[in-house]
Amino acid sequence: HRLDLSLGTSYIRDTAIIGFMANELISIVENAGLMGLPL
């Protein structure tokens, strides 16, 4: 977000959030598999 403010852009924060959301989603799916949920 601070980079967005410094550079006058509005996409760096959203890109970072999307990347981290994908990472969290992968981890959630892995946890579901470790719980025995058929994937």
PDB file of all heavy atoms in Angstrom:
ATOM      1  N   HIS A   1       0.834  -1.206   0.000  1.00  0.00           N
ATOM      2  CA  HIS A   1       0.000   0.000   0.000  1.00  0.00           C
ATOM      3  C   HIS A   1       0.865   1.251   0.000  1.00  0.00           C
ATOM      4  O   HIS A   1       0.592   2.205  -0.719  1.00  0.00           O
ATOM      5  CB  HIS A   1      -0.935   0.001   1.215  1.00  0.00           C
ATOM      6  CG  HIS A   1      -1.676   1.284   1.383  1.00  0.00           C
ATOM      7  ND1 HIS A   1      -2.599   1.735   0.461  1.00  0.00           N
ATOM      8  CD2 HIS A   1      -1.625   2.231   2.352  1.00  0.00           C
ATOM      9  CE1 HIS A   1      -3.076   2.897   0.864  1.00  0.00           C
ATOM     10  NE2 HIS A   1      -2.504   3.226   2.010  1.00  0.00           N
ATOM     11  N   ARG A   2       1.918   1.238   0.809  1.00  0.00           N
ATOM     12  CA  ARG A   2       2.804   2.405   0.853  1.00  0.00           C
ATOM     13  C   ARG A   2       3.507   2.604  -0.494  1.00  0.00           C
ATOM     14  O   ARG A   2       3.733   3.743  -0.926  1.00  0.00           O
ATOM     15  CB  ARG A   2       3.827   2.274   1.983  1.00  0.00           C
ATOM     16  CG  ARG A   2       3.223   2.150   3.388  1.00  0.00           C
ATOM     17  CD  ARG A   2       2.208   3.196   3.727  1.00  0.00           C
ATOM     18  NE  ARG A   2       2.774   4.541   3.755  1.00  0.00           N
ATOM     19  CZ  ARG A   2       2.091   5.629   4.030  1.00  0.00           C
ATOM     20  NH1 ARG A   2       0.815   5.554   4.318  1.00  0.00           N
ATOM     21  NH2 ARG A   2       2.663   6.798   4.024  1.00  0.00           N
ATOM     22  N   LEU A   3       3.856   1.498  -1.158  1.00  0.00           N
ATOM     23  CA  LEU A   3       4.438   1.615  -2.503  1.00  0.00           C
ATOM     24  C   LEU A   3       3.437   2.229  -3.472  1.00  0.00           C
ATOM     25  O   LEU A   3       3.801   3.067  -4.306  1.00  0.00           O
ATOM     26  CB  LEU A   3       4.888   0.246  -3.015  1.00  0.00           C
ATOM     27  CG  LEU A   3       6.211  -0.277  -2.484  1.00  0.00           C
ATOM     28  CD1 LEU A   3       6.413  -1.734  -2.897  1.00  0.00           C
ATOM     29  CD2 LEU A   3       7.364   0.582  -2.985  1.00  0.00           C
ATOM     30  N   ASP A   4       2.181   1.795  -3.391  1.00  0.00           N
ATOM     31  CA  ASP A   4       1.140   2.393  -4.225  1.00  0.00           C
ATOM     32  C   ASP A   4       1.071   3.901  -4.005  1.00  0.00           C
ATOM     33  O   ASP A   4       1.005   4.670  -4.969  1.00  0.00           O
ATOM     34  CB  ASP A   4      -0.232   1.784  -3.897  1.00  0.00           C
ATOM     35  CG  ASP A   4      -0.555   0.569  -4.739  1.00  0.00           C
ATOM     36  OD1 ASP A   4       0.093   0.357  -5.779  1.00  0.00           O
ATOM     37  OD2 ASP A   4      -1.474  -0.176  -4.347  1.00  0.00           O
ATOM     38  N   LEU A   5       1.096   4.324  -2.758  1.00  0.00           N
ATOM     39  CA  LEU A   5       1.035   5.752  -2.462  1.00  0.00           C
ATOM     40  C   LEU A   5       2.258   6.486  -3.003  1.00  0.00           C
ATOM     41  O   LEU A   5       2.142   7.579  -3.572  1.00  0.00           O
ATOM     42  CB  LEU A   5       0.916   5.982  -0.955  1.00  0.00           C
ATOM     43  CG  LEU A   5      -0.396   5.560  -0.295  1.00  0.00           C
ATOM     44  CD1 LEU A   5      -0.314   5.769   1.208  1.00  0.00           C
ATOM     45  CD2 LEU A   5      -1.563   6.314  -0.885  1.00  0.00           C
ATOM     46  N   SER A   6       3.422   5.878  -2.841  1.00  0.00           N
ATOM     47  CA  SER A   6       4.666   6.526  -3.284  1.00  0.00           C
ATOM     48  C   SER A   6       4.742   6.643  -4.804  1.00  0.00           C
ATOM     49  O   SER A   6       5.247   7.633  -5.328  1.00  0.00           O
ATOM     50  CB  SER A   6       5.875   5.747  -2.785  1.00  0.00           C
ATOM     51  OG  SER A   6       5.920   5.756  -1.387  1.00  0.00           O
ATOM     52  N   LEU A   7       4.253   5.620  -5.488  1.00  0.00           N
ATOM     53  CA  LEU A   7       4.360   5.594  -6.947  1.00  0.00           C
ATOM     54  C   LEU A   7       3.128   6.160  -7.646  1.00  0.00           C
ATOM     55  O   LEU A   7       3.113   6.278  -8.866  1.00  0.00           O
ATOM     56  CB  LEU A   7       4.604   4.161  -7.430  1.00  0.00           C
ATOM     57  CG  LEU A   7       5.883   3.501  -6.909  1.00  0.00           C
ATOM     58  CD1 LEU A   7       5.931   2.042  -7.322  1.00  0.00           C
ATOM     59  CD2 LEU A   7       7.108   4.261  -7.404  1.00  0.00           C
ATOM     60  N   GLY A   8       2.095   6.458  -6.877  1.00  0.00           N
ATOM     61  CA  GLY A   8       0.869   6.986  -7.473  1.00  0.00           C
ATOM     62  C   GLY A   8       0.076   5.935  -8.225  1.00  0.00           C
ATOM     63  O   GLY A   8      -0.622   6.256  -9.182  1.00  0.00           O
ATOM     64  N   THR A   9       0.208   4.680  -7.806  1.00  0.00           N
ATOM     65  CA  THR A   9      -0.519   3.590  -8.466  1.00  0.00           C
ATOM     66  C   THR A   9      -1.606   3.070  -7.530  1.00  0.00           C
ATOM     67  O   THR A   9      -1.741   3.535  -6.406  1.00  0.00           O
ATOM     68  CB  THR A   9       0.434   2.437  -8.839  1.00  0.00           C
ATOM     69  OG1 THR A   9       1.012   1.917  -7.641  1.00  0.00           O
ATOM     70  CG2 THR A   9       1.528   2.904  -9.766  1.00  0.00           C
ATOM     71  N   SER A  10      -2.353   2.090  -8.019  1.00  0.00           N
ATOM     72  CA  SER A  10      -3.406   1.537  -7.174  1.00  0.00           C
ATOM     73  C   SER A  10      -3.523   0.024  -7.327  1.00  0.00           C
ATOM     74  O   SER A  10      -4.549  -0.549  -6.991  1.00  0.00           O
ATOM     75  CB  SER A  10      -4.746   2.185  -7.527  1.00  0.00           C
ATOM     76  OG  SER A  10      -5.074   1.911  -8.863  1.00  0.00           O
ATOM     77  N   TYR A  11      -2.474  -0.615  -7.813  1.00  0.00           N
ATOM     78  CA  TYR A  11      -2.590  -2.047  -8.078  1.00  0.00           C
ATOM     79  C   TYR A  11      -1.590  -2.914  -7.299  1.00  0.00           C
ATOM     80  O   TYR A  11      -1.760  -4.121  -7.231  1.00  0.00           O
ATOM     81  CB  TYR A  11      -2.434  -2.338  -9.568  1.00  0.00           C
ATOM     82  CG  TYR A  11      -1.122  -1.860 -10.146  1.00  0.00           C
ATOM     83  CD1 TYR A  11       0.017  -2.643 -10.077  1.00  0.00           C
ATOM     84  CD2 TYR A  11      -1.021  -0.614 -10.747  1.00  0.00           C
ATOM     85  CE1 TYR A  11       1.221  -2.206 -10.585  1.00  0.00           C
ATOM     86  CE2 TYR A  11       0.177  -0.167 -11.263  1.00  0.00           C
ATOM     87  CZ  TYR A  11       1.292  -0.969 -11.184  1.00  0.00           C
ATOM     88  OH  TYR A  11       2.483  -0.527 -11.688  1.00  0.00           O
ATOM     89  N   ILE A  12      -0.573  -2.348  -6.722  1.00  0.00           N
ATOM     90  CA  ILE A  12       0.452  -3.155  -6.042  1.00  0.00           C
ATOM     91  C   ILE A  12      -0.142  -3.851  -4.820  1.00  0.00           C
ATOM     92  O   ILE A  12       0.061  -5.046  -4.608  1.00  0.00           O
ATOM     93  CB  ILE A  12       1.668  -2.291  -5.663  1.00  0.00           C
ATOM     94  CG1 ILE A  12       2.321  -1.720  -6.931  1.00  0.00           C
ATOM     95  CG2 ILE A  12       2.680  -3.107  -4.868  1.00  0.00           C
ATOM     96  CD1 ILE A  12       3.405  -0.713  -6.679  1.00  0.00           C
ATOM     97  N   ARG A  13      -0.910  -3.130  -4.017  1.00  0.00           N
ATOM     98  CA  ARG A  13      -1.535  -3.731  -2.839  1.00  0.00           C
ATOM     99  C   ARG A  13      -2.503  -4.838  -3.234  1.00  0.00           C
ATOM    100  O   ARG A  13      -2.502  -5.920  -2.651  1.00  0.00           O
ATOM    101  CB  ARG A  13      -2.271  -2.680  -2.018  1.00  0.00           C
ATOM    102  CG  ARG A  13      -2.862  -3.245  -0.730  1.00  0.00           C
ATOM    103  CD  ARG A  13      -3.704  -2.206  -0.049  1.00  0.00           C
ATOM    104  NE  ARG A  13      -5.031  -2.235  -0.649  1.00  0.00           N
ATOM    105  CZ  ARG A  13      -6.158  -2.214   0.049  1.00  0.00           C
ATOM    106  NH1 ARG A  13      -6.129  -2.132   1.353  1.00  0.00           N
ATOM    107  NH2 ARG A  13      -7.312  -2.244  -0.545  1.00  0.00           N
ATOM    108  N   ASP A  14      -3.317  -4.593  -4.258  1.00  0.00           N
ATOM    109  CA  ASP A  14      -4.274  -5.607  -4.696  1.00  0.00           C
ATOM    110  C   ASP A  14      -3.563  -6.848  -5.224  1.00  0.00           C
ATOM    111  O   ASP A  14      -3.998  -7.972  -4.975  1.00  0.00           O
ATOM    112  CB  ASP A  14      -5.206  -5.045  -5.765  1.00  0.00           C
ATOM    113  CG  ASP A  14      -6.173  -4.015  -5.200  1.00  0.00           C
ATOM    114  OD1 ASP A  14      -6.421  -4.048  -3.977  1.00  0.00           O
ATOM    115  OD2 ASP A  14      -6.670  -3.182  -5.974  1.00  0.00           O
ATOM    116  N   THR A  15      -2.455  -6.657  -5.927  1.00  0.00           N
ATOM    117  CA  THR A  15      -1.681  -7.788  -6.430  1.00  0.00           C
ATOM    118  C   THR A  15      -1.106  -8.607  -5.274  1.00  0.00           C
ATOM    119  O   THR A  15      -1.161  -9.842  -5.288  1.00  0.00           O
ATOM    120  CB  THR A  15      -0.544  -7.292  -7.345  1.00  0.00           C
ATOM    121  OG1 THR A  15      -1.107  -6.502  -8.399  1.00  0.00           O
ATOM    122  CG2 THR A  15       0.238  -8.451  -7.935  1.00  0.00           C
ATOM    123  N   ALA A  16      -0.572  -7.923  -4.278  1.00  0.00           N
ATOM    124  CA  ALA A  16      -0.033  -8.624  -3.109  1.00  0.00           C
ATOM    125  C   ALA A  16      -1.135  -9.391  -2.385  1.00  0.00           C
ATOM    126  O   ALA A  16      -0.948 -10.550  -1.993  1.00  0.00           O
ATOM    127  CB  ALA A  16       0.635  -7.630  -2.155  1.00  0.00           C
ATOM    128  N   ILE A  17      -2.290  -8.771  -2.224  1.00  0.00           N
ATOM    129  CA  ILE A  17      -3.408  -9.422  -1.535  1.00  0.00           C
ATOM    130  C   ILE A  17      -3.856 -10.655  -2.301  1.00  0.00           C
ATOM    131  O   ILE A  17      -4.082 -11.725  -1.714  1.00  0.00           O
ATOM    132  CB  ILE A  17      -4.572  -8.433  -1.318  1.00  0.00           C
ATOM    133  CG1 ILE A  17      -4.184  -7.403  -0.252  1.00  0.00           C
ATOM    134  CG2 ILE A  17      -5.846  -9.165  -0.915  1.00  0.00           C
ATOM    135  CD1 ILE A  17      -5.189  -6.279  -0.077  1.00  0.00           C
ATOM    136  N   ILE A  18      -3.969 -10.560  -3.616  1.00  0.00           N
ATOM    137  CA  ILE A  18      -4.394 -11.711  -4.420  1.00  0.00           C
ATOM    138  C   ILE A  18      -3.386 -12.849  -4.299  1.00  0.00           C
ATOM    139  O   ILE A  18      -3.757 -14.016  -4.146  1.00  0.00           O
ATOM    140  CB  ILE A  18      -4.602 -11.293  -5.891  1.00  0.00           C
ATOM    141  CG1 ILE A  18      -5.828 -10.396  -6.006  1.00  0.00           C
ATOM    142  CG2 ILE A  18      -4.739 -12.517  -6.797  1.00  0.00           C
ATOM    143  CD1 ILE A  18      -5.970  -9.703  -7.344  1.00  0.00           C
ATOM    144  N   GLY A  19      -2.099 -12.525  -4.338  1.00  0.00           N
ATOM    145  CA  GLY A  19      -1.076 -13.559  -4.191  1.00  0.00           C
ATOM    146  C   GLY A  19      -1.137 -14.249  -2.841  1.00  0.00           C
ATOM    147  O   GLY A  19      -1.071 -15.485  -2.751  1.00  0.00           O
ATOM    148  N   PHE A  20      -1.309 -13.465  -1.788  1.00  0.00           N
ATOM    149  CA  PHE A  20      -1.393 -14.060  -0.451  1.00  0.00           C
ATOM    150  C   PHE A  20      -2.700 -14.832  -0.257  1.00  0.00           C
ATOM    151  O   PHE A  20      -2.728 -15.846   0.437  1.00  0.00           O
ATOM    152  CB  PHE A  20      -1.220 -12.991   0.633  1.00  0.00           C
ATOM    153  CG  PHE A  20       0.199 -12.531   0.779  1.00  0.00           C
ATOM    154  CD1 PHE A  20       0.529 -11.194   0.617  1.00  0.00           C
ATOM    155  CD2 PHE A  20       1.214 -13.430   1.078  1.00  0.00           C
ATOM    156  CE1 PHE A  20       1.839 -10.767   0.747  1.00  0.00           C
ATOM    157  CE2 PHE A  20       2.526 -13.010   1.221  1.00  0.00           C
ATOM    158  CZ  PHE A  20       2.845 -11.678   1.051  1.00  0.00           C
ATOM    159  N   MET A  21      -3.789 -14.375  -0.886  1.00  0.00           N
ATOM    160  CA  MET A  21      -5.050 -15.128  -0.810  1.00  0.00           C
ATOM    161  C   MET A  21      -4.887 -16.493  -1.471  1.00  0.00           C
ATOM    162  O   MET A  21      -5.369 -17.503  -0.950  1.00  0.00           O
ATOM    163  CB  MET A  21      -6.197 -14.361  -1.485  1.00  0.00           C
ATOM    164  CG  MET A  21      -6.796 -13.295  -0.632  1.00  0.00           C
ATOM    165  SD  MET A  21      -8.372 -12.621  -1.234  1.00  0.00           S
ATOM    166  CE  MET A  21      -7.976 -12.027  -2.841  1.00  0.00           C
ATOM    167  N   ALA A  22      -4.201 -16.539  -2.602  1.00  0.00           N
ATOM    168  CA  ALA A  22      -3.973 -17.813  -3.271  1.00  0.00           C
ATOM    169  C   ALA A  22      -3.139 -18.745  -2.393  1.00  0.00           C
ATOM    170  O   ALA A  22      -3.430 -19.941  -2.287  1.00  0.00           O
ATOM    171  CB  ALA A  22      -3.277 -17.578  -4.615  1.00  0.00           C
ATOM    172  N   ASN A  23      -2.119 -18.196  -1.747  1.00  0.00           N
ATOM    173  CA  ASN A  23      -1.281 -18.987  -0.853  1.00  0.00           C
ATOM    174  C   ASN A  23      -2.090 -19.545   0.318  1.00  0.00           C
ATOM    175  O   ASN A  23      -1.950 -20.723   0.684  1.00  0.00           O
ATOM    176  CB  ASN A  23      -0.121 -18.130  -0.350  1.00  0.00           C
ATOM    177  CG  ASN A  23       0.884 -18.931   0.418  1.00  0.00           C
ATOM    178  OD1 ASN A  23       1.315 -19.984  -0.031  1.00  0.00           O
ATOM    179  ND2 ASN A  23       1.265 -18.444   1.577  1.00  0.00           N
ATOM    180  N   GLU A  24      -2.930 -18.716   0.915  1.00  0.00           N
ATOM    181  CA  GLU A  24      -3.770 -19.167   2.032  1.00  0.00           C
ATOM    182  C   GLU A  24      -4.764 -20.230   1.569  1.00  0.00           C
ATOM    183  O   GLU A  24      -5.010 -21.206   2.284  1.00  0.00           O
ATOM    184  CB  GLU A  24      -4.522 -17.985   2.657  1.00  0.00           C
ATOM    185  CG  GLU A  24      -3.643 -16.955   3.314  1.00  0.00           C
ATOM    186  CD  GLU A  24      -2.897 -17.467   4.524  1.00  0.00           C
ATOM    187  OE1 GLU A  24      -3.408 -18.360   5.218  1.00  0.00           O
ATOM    188  OE2 GLU A  24      -1.793 -16.963   4.786  1.00  0.00           O
ATOM    189  N   LEU A  25      -5.317 -20.051   0.382  1.00  0.00           N
ATOM    190  CA  LEU A  25      -6.274 -21.018  -0.139  1.00  0.00           C
ATOM    191  C   LEU A  25      -5.622 -22.379  -0.362  1.00  0.00           C
ATOM    192  O   LEU A  25      -6.205 -23.417  -0.042  1.00  0.00           O
ATOM    193  CB  LEU A  25      -6.895 -20.500  -1.432  1.00  0.00           C
ATOM    194  CG  LEU A  25      -8.057 -21.287  -1.996  1.00  0.00           C
ATOM    195  CD1 LEU A  25      -9.181 -21.414  -0.975  1.00  0.00           C
ATOM    196  CD2 LEU A  25      -8.574 -20.631  -3.257  1.00  0.00           C
ATOM    197  N   ILE A  26      -4.406 -22.387  -0.878  1.00  0.00           N
ATOM    198  CA  ILE A  26      -3.676 -23.646  -1.053  1.00  0.00           C
ATOM    199  C   ILE A  26      -3.462 -24.318   0.301  1.00  0.00           C
ATOM    200  O   ILE A  26      -3.661 -25.527   0.440  1.00  0.00           O
ATOM    201  CB  ILE A  26      -2.334 -23.394  -1.771  1.00  0.00           C
ATOM    202  CG1 ILE A  26      -2.589 -23.028  -3.226  1.00  0.00           C
ATOM    203  CG2 ILE A  26      -1.421 -24.617  -1.676  1.00  0.00           C
ATOM    204  CD1 ILE A  26      -1.357 -22.520  -3.956  1.00  0.00           C
ATOM    205  N   SER A  27      -3.095 -23.538   1.303  1.00  0.00           N
ATOM    206  CA  SER A  27      -2.873 -24.091   2.634  1.00  0.00           C
ATOM    207  C   SER A  27      -4.167 -24.643   3.237  1.00  0.00           C
ATOM    208  O   SER A  27      -4.160 -25.694   3.890  1.00  0.00           O
ATOM    209  CB  SER A  27      -2.276 -23.017   3.549  1.00  0.00           C
ATOM    210  OG  SER A  27      -1.990 -23.549   4.809  1.00  0.00           O
ATOM    211  N   ILE A  28      -5.283 -23.974   2.999  1.00  0.00           N
ATOM    212  CA  ILE A  28      -6.575 -24.454   3.490  1.00  0.00           C
ATOM    213  C   ILE A  28      -6.922 -25.791   2.840  1.00  0.00           C
ATOM    214  O   ILE A  28      -7.369 -26.726   3.517  1.00  0.00           O
ATOM    215  CB  ILE A  28      -7.684 -23.402   3.233  1.00  0.00           C
ATOM    216  CG1 ILE A  28      -7.463 -22.166   4.110  1.00  0.00           C
ATOM    217  CG2 ILE A  28      -9.074 -24.000   3.469  1.00  0.00           C
ATOM    218  CD1 ILE A  28      -8.310 -20.969   3.711  1.00  0.00           C
ATOM    219  N   VAL A  29      -6.689 -25.892   1.548  1.00  0.00           N
ATOM    220  CA  VAL A  29      -6.972 -27.144   0.839  1.00  0.00           C
ATOM    221  C   VAL A  29      -6.065 -28.260   1.348  1.00  0.00           C
ATOM    222  O   VAL A  29      -6.511 -29.397   1.550  1.00  0.00           O
ATOM    223  CB  VAL A  29      -6.832 -26.951  -0.690  1.00  0.00           C
ATOM    224  CG1 VAL A  29      -6.903 -28.271  -1.426  1.00  0.00           C
ATOM    225  CG2 VAL A  29      -7.905 -25.995  -1.199  1.00  0.00           C
ATOM    226  N   GLU A  30      -4.789 -27.948   1.588  1.00  0.00           N
ATOM    227  CA  GLU A  30      -3.871 -28.947   2.147  1.00  0.00           C
ATOM    228  C   GLU A  30      -4.351 -29.410   3.518  1.00  0.00           C
ATOM    229  O   GLU A  30      -4.322 -30.614   3.813  1.00  0.00           O
ATOM    230  CB  GLU A  30      -2.461 -28.375   2.267  1.00  0.00           C
ATOM    231  CG  GLU A  30      -1.749 -28.231   0.941  1.00  0.00           C
ATOM    232  CD  GLU A  30      -0.396 -27.552   1.080  1.00  0.00           C
ATOM    233  OE1 GLU A  30      -0.154 -26.860   2.104  1.00  0.00           O
ATOM    234  OE2 GLU A  30       0.421 -27.708   0.173  1.00  0.00           O
ATOM    235  N   ASN A  31      -4.793 -28.477   4.350  1.00  0.00           N
ATOM    236  CA  ASN A  31      -5.305 -28.840   5.673  1.00  0.00           C
ATOM    237  C   ASN A  31      -6.537 -29.735   5.556  1.00  0.00           C
ATOM    238  O   ASN A  31      -6.687 -30.690   6.318  1.00  0.00           O
ATOM    239  CB  ASN A  31      -5.625 -27.593   6.501  1.00  0.00           C
ATOM    240  CG  ASN A  31      -4.386 -26.869   6.970  1.00  0.00           C
ATOM    241  OD1 ASN A  31      -3.296 -27.432   6.996  1.00  0.00           O
ATOM    242  ND2 ASN A  31      -4.549 -25.622   7.346  1.00  0.00           N
ATOM    243  N   ALA A  32      -7.404 -29.424   4.614  1.00  0.00           N
ATOM    244  CA  ALA A  32      -8.593 -30.257   4.412  1.00  0.00           C
ATOM    245  C   ALA A  32      -8.186 -31.670   4.011  1.00  0.00           C
ATOM    246  O   ALA A  32      -8.770 -32.650   4.478  1.00  0.00           O
ATOM    247  CB  ALA A  32      -9.499 -29.638   3.351  1.00  0.00           C
ATOM    248  N   GLY A  33      -7.170 -31.789   3.167  1.00  0.00           N
ATOM    249  CA  GLY A  33      -6.674 -33.106   2.782  1.00  0.00           C
ATOM    250  C   GLY A  33      -6.085 -33.857   3.965  1.00  0.00           C
ATOM    251  O   GLY A  33      -6.286 -35.072   4.112  1.00  0.00           O
ATOM    252  N   LEU A  34      -5.363 -33.152   4.833  1.00  0.00           N
ATOM    253  CA  LEU A  34      -4.793 -33.787   6.021  1.00  0.00           C
ATOM    254  C   LEU A  34      -5.873 -34.223   7.007  1.00  0.00           C
ATOM    255  O   LEU A  34      -5.655 -35.119   7.821  1.00  0.00           O
ATOM    256  CB  LEU A  34      -3.806 -32.839   6.712  1.00  0.00           C
ATOM    257  CG  LEU A  34      -2.511 -32.573   5.950  1.00  0.00           C
ATOM    258  CD1 LEU A  34      -1.717 -31.457   6.619  1.00  0.00           C
ATOM    259  CD2 LEU A  34      -1.681 -33.834   5.839  1.00  0.00           C
ATOM    260  N   MET A  35      -7.045 -33.604   6.918  1.00  0.00           N
ATOM    261  CA  MET A  35      -8.164 -34.007   7.764  1.00  0.00           C
ATOM    262  C   MET A  35      -8.897 -35.227   7.200  1.00  0.00           C
ATOM    263  O   MET A  35      -9.801 -35.750   7.827  1.00  0.00           O
ATOM    264  CB  MET A  35      -9.165 -32.850   7.908  1.00  0.00           C
ATOM    265  CG  MET A  35      -8.694 -31.711   8.740  1.00  0.00           C
ATOM    266  SD  MET A  35      -9.999 -30.463   8.792  1.00  0.00           S
ATOM    267  CE  MET A  35      -9.122 -29.089   9.468  1.00  0.00           C
ATOM    268  N   GLY A  36      -8.501 -35.631   6.003  1.00  0.00           N
ATOM    269  CA  GLY A  36      -9.128 -36.794   5.395  1.00  0.00           C
ATOM    270  C   GLY A  36     -10.253 -36.467   4.440  1.00  0.00           C
ATOM    271  O   GLY A  36     -10.929 -37.366   3.946  1.00  0.00           O
ATOM    272  N   LEU A  37     -10.464 -35.188   4.156  1.00  0.00           N
ATOM    273  CA  LEU A  37     -11.492 -34.803   3.206  1.00  0.00           C
ATOM    274  C   LEU A  37     -11.057 -35.247   1.810  1.00  0.00           C
ATOM    275  O   LEU A  37      -9.939 -34.948   1.386  1.00  0.00           O
ATOM    276  CB  LEU A  37     -11.680 -33.283   3.236  1.00  0.00           C
ATOM    277  CG  LEU A  37     -12.803 -32.699   2.405  1.00  0.00           C
ATOM    278  CD1 LEU A  37     -14.140 -33.041   3.062  1.00  0.00           C
ATOM    279  CD2 LEU A  37     -12.657 -31.203   2.296  1.00  0.00           C
ATOM    280  N   PRO A  38     -11.896 -35.988   1.106  1.00  0.00           N
ATOM    281  CA  PRO A  38     -11.500 -36.428  -0.237  1.00  0.00           C
ATOM    282  C   PRO A  38     -11.404 -35.228  -1.185  1.00  0.00           C
ATOM    283  O   PRO A  38     -12.344 -34.448  -1.314  1.00  0.00           O
ATOM    284  CB  PRO A  38     -12.618 -37.386  -0.657  1.00  0.00           C
ATOM    285  CG  PRO A  38     -13.753 -37.119   0.257  1.00  0.00           C
ATOM    286  CD  PRO A  38     -13.218 -36.474   1.483  1.00  0.00           C
ATOM    287  N   LEU A  39     -10.250 -35.084  -1.797  1.00  0.00           N
ATOM    288  CA  LEU A  39     -10.008 -33.970  -2.705  1.00  0.00           C
ATOM    289  C   LEU A  39      -9.908 -34.490  -4.134  1.00  0.00           C
ATOM    290  O   LEU A  39      -9.374 -35.580  -4.363  1.00  0.00           O
ATOM    291  CB  LEU A  39      -8.707 -33.254  -2.331  1.00  0.00           C
ATOM    292  CG  LEU A  39      -8.652 -32.640  -0.933  1.00  0.00           C
ATOM    293  CD1 LEU A  39      -7.252 -32.127  -0.644  1.00  0.00           C
ATOM    294  CD2 LEU A  39      -9.651 -31.508  -0.811  1.00  0.00           C
TER     295      LEU A  39
END
